[in-house]
C-alpha atoms as a PDB file:
ATOM      1  CA  VAL A   1      33.497 -76.061 -14.284  1.00  0.00           C
ATOM      2  CA  ASP A   2      33.018 -73.652 -11.407  1.00  0.00           C
ATOM      3  CA  HIS A   3      30.587 -71.165 -13.020  1.00  0.00           C
ATOM      4  CA  VAL A   4      28.841 -69.992 -16.165  1.00  0.00           C
ATOM      5  CA  TYR A   5      30.631 -66.991 -17.668  1.00  0.00           C
ATOM      6  CA  ASP A   6      29.307 -64.307 -19.926  1.00  0.00           C
ATOM      7  CA  ALA A   7      32.029 -65.149 -22.444  1.00  0.00           C
ATOM      8  CA  ASP A   8      34.652 -67.890 -22.878  1.00  0.00           C
ATOM      9  CA  PRO A   9      37.229 -67.181 -20.135  1.00  0.00           C
ATOM     10  CA  ARG A  10      39.896 -69.072 -22.079  1.00  0.00           C
ATOM     11  CA  THR A  11      39.718 -66.532 -24.928  1.00  0.00           C
ATOM     12  CA  ASN A  12      38.351 -63.480 -23.171  1.00  0.00           C
ATOM     13  CA  PRO A  13      40.265 -62.342 -20.092  1.00  0.00           C
ATOM     14  CA  ASN A  14      37.440 -59.966 -19.206  1.00  0.00           C
ATOM     15  CA  ALA A  15      34.809 -62.760 -19.005  1.00  0.00           C
ATOM     16  CA  LYS A  16      32.707 -62.415 -15.843  1.00  0.00           C
ATOM     17  CA  LYS A  17      31.478 -65.323 -13.809  1.00  0.00           C
ATOM     18  CA  LEU A  18      27.726 -65.282 -13.176  1.00  0.00           C
ATOM     19  CA  GLU A  19      26.075 -66.331  -9.918  1.00  0.00           C
ATOM     20  CA  SER A  20      22.716 -66.628 -11.613  1.00  0.00           C
ATOM     21  CA  ILE A  21      21.232 -66.341 -15.069  1.00  0.00           C
ATOM     22  CA  SER A  22      17.840 -66.889 -16.661  1.00  0.00           C
ATOM     23  CA  TRP A  23      17.336 -69.687 -19.159  1.00  0.00           C
ATOM     24  CA  ALA A  24      16.586 -67.078 -21.898  1.00  0.00           C
ATOM     25  CA  ASP A  25      19.866 -65.244 -21.203  1.00  0.00           C
ATOM     26  CA  TYR A  26      21.836 -68.465 -20.869  1.00  0.00           C
ATOM     27  CA  ARG A  27      20.494 -69.817 -24.120  1.00  0.00           C
ATOM     28  CA  SER A  28      21.407 -66.530 -25.868  1.00  0.00           C
ATOM     29  CA  ILE A  29      25.143 -67.033 -25.041  1.00  0.00           C
ATOM     30  CA  ILE A  30      25.399 -70.729 -26.038  1.00  0.00           C
ATOM     31  CA  PRO A  31      25.044 -72.161 -29.592  1.00  0.00           C
ATOM     32  CA  LYS A  32      21.474 -72.981 -30.683  1.00  0.00           C
ATOM     33  CA  GLU A  33      22.369 -76.572 -31.628  1.00  0.00           C
ATOM     34  CA  TRP A  34      24.532 -79.281 -30.123  1.00  0.00           C
ATOM     35  CA  THR A  35      27.666 -80.180 -32.141  1.00  0.00           C
ATOM     36  CA  SER A  36      30.362 -82.696 -31.434  1.00  0.00           C
ATOM     37  CA  GLY A  37      33.028 -81.143 -29.212  1.00  0.00           C
ATOM     38  CA  LEU A  38      30.689 -78.374 -27.935  1.00  0.00           C
ATOM     39  CA  ASN A  39      32.205 -76.624 -24.945  1.00  0.00           C
ATOM     40  CA  SER A  40      29.188 -75.554 -22.928  1.00  0.00           C
ATOM     41  CA  PRO A  41      28.418 -76.161 -19.255  1.00  0.00           C
ATOM     42  CA  PHE A  42      24.857 -77.396 -20.175  1.00  0.00           C
ATOM     43  CA  ASP A  43      24.001 -78.351 -23.735  1.00  0.00           C
ATOM     44  CA  PRO A  44      21.465 -76.534 -25.900  1.00  0.00           C
ATOM     45  CA  ILE A  45      18.983 -79.427 -26.110  1.00  0.00           C
ATOM     46  CA  ALA A  46      18.895 -80.020 -22.386  1.00  0.00           C
ATOM     47  CA  SER A  47      18.723 -76.257 -21.769  1.00  0.00           C
ATOM     48  CA  GLU A  48      15.628 -75.952 -24.006  1.00  0.00           C
ATOM     49  CA  LEU A  49      13.915 -78.838 -22.187  1.00  0.00           C
ATOM     50  CA  ALA A  50      14.796 -77.508 -18.738  1.00  0.00           C
ATOM     51  CA  GLN A  51      13.520 -74.036 -19.592  1.00  0.00           C
ATOM     52  CA  LYS A  52      10.274 -75.516 -20.997  1.00  0.00           C
ATOM     53  CA  ASP A  53       9.734 -77.631 -17.893  1.00  0.00           C
ATOM     54  CA  GLY A  54      10.744 -74.922 -15.394  1.00  0.00           C
ATOM     55  CA  ILE A  55      13.740 -76.854 -14.079  1.00  0.00           C
ATOM     56  CA  SER A  56      16.584 -74.987 -12.431  1.00  0.00           C
ATOM     57  CA  VAL A  57      20.141 -76.205 -12.890  1.00  0.00           C
ATOM     58  CA  MET A  58      23.203 -75.540 -10.705  1.00  0.00           C
ATOM     59  CA  ILE A  59      26.603 -75.361 -12.510  1.00  0.00           C
ATOM     60  CA  MET A  60      29.261 -75.992  -9.880  1.00  0.00           C
ATOM     61  CA  ASN A  61      32.491 -77.746  -9.215  1.00  0.00           C
ATOM     62  CA  GLY A  62      31.483 -80.731  -7.044  1.00  0.00           C
ATOM     63  CA  LYS A  63      35.066 -81.796  -6.248  1.00  0.00           C
ATOM     64  CA  PRO A  64      35.441 -79.512  -3.268  1.00  0.00           C
ATOM     65  CA  LEU A  65      33.073 -81.490  -1.042  1.00  0.00           C
ATOM     66  CA  ASP A  66      32.473 -78.462   1.208  1.00  0.00           C
ATOM     67  CA  ASN A  67      31.055 -76.590  -1.830  1.00  0.00           C
ATOM     68  CA  LEU A  68      28.715 -79.466  -2.621  1.00  0.00           C
ATOM     69  CA  LYS A  69      27.722 -79.771   1.047  1.00  0.00           C
ATOM     70  CA  ASN A  70      26.975 -76.056   1.153  1.00  0.00           C
ATOM     71  CA  TYR A  71      24.702 -76.311  -1.870  1.00  0.00           C
ATOM     72  CA  LEU A  72      22.886 -79.401  -0.492  1.00  0.00           C
ATOM     73  CA  ASN A  73      22.363 -77.607   2.870  1.00  0.00           C
ATOM     74  CA  GLY A  74      20.995 -74.456   1.192  1.00  0.00           C
ATOM     75  CA  GLU A  75      24.015 -72.419   2.137  1.00  0.00           C
ATOM     76  CA  LYS A  76      26.139 -70.145  -0.087  1.00  0.00           C
ATOM     77  CA  PHE A  77      28.119 -72.051  -2.656  1.00  0.00           C
ATOM     78  CA  GLU A  78      30.442 -71.264  -5.574  1.00  0.00           C
ATOM     79  CA  GLY A  79      28.567 -71.813  -8.809  1.00  0.00           C
ATOM     80  CA  THR A  80      25.814 -70.575 -11.104  1.00  0.00           C
ATOM     81  CA  ILE A  81      22.050 -71.083 -10.859  1.00  0.00           C
ATOM     82  CA  ILE A  82      20.254 -71.215 -14.153  1.00  0.00           C
ATOM     83  CA  SER A  83      16.506 -70.820 -13.809  1.00  0.00           C
END
């Protein structure tokens, strides 16, 4: 997964990738409960806990090592920050 999108890009060709999103907004676009086979970059239970504890999460594709290196070095990277 490269980004969080505002809609499912597989079913909505107009889905927009997001560079950042608040926990409240992120949680409003994913299901409230985890179910088997859920297709979500970060599951609802972990999202609730991360929001409660003030933890930021980066959704990014770590396979391109330069992208991971950029993130770890505080440089611009391709992905979404949820905070």
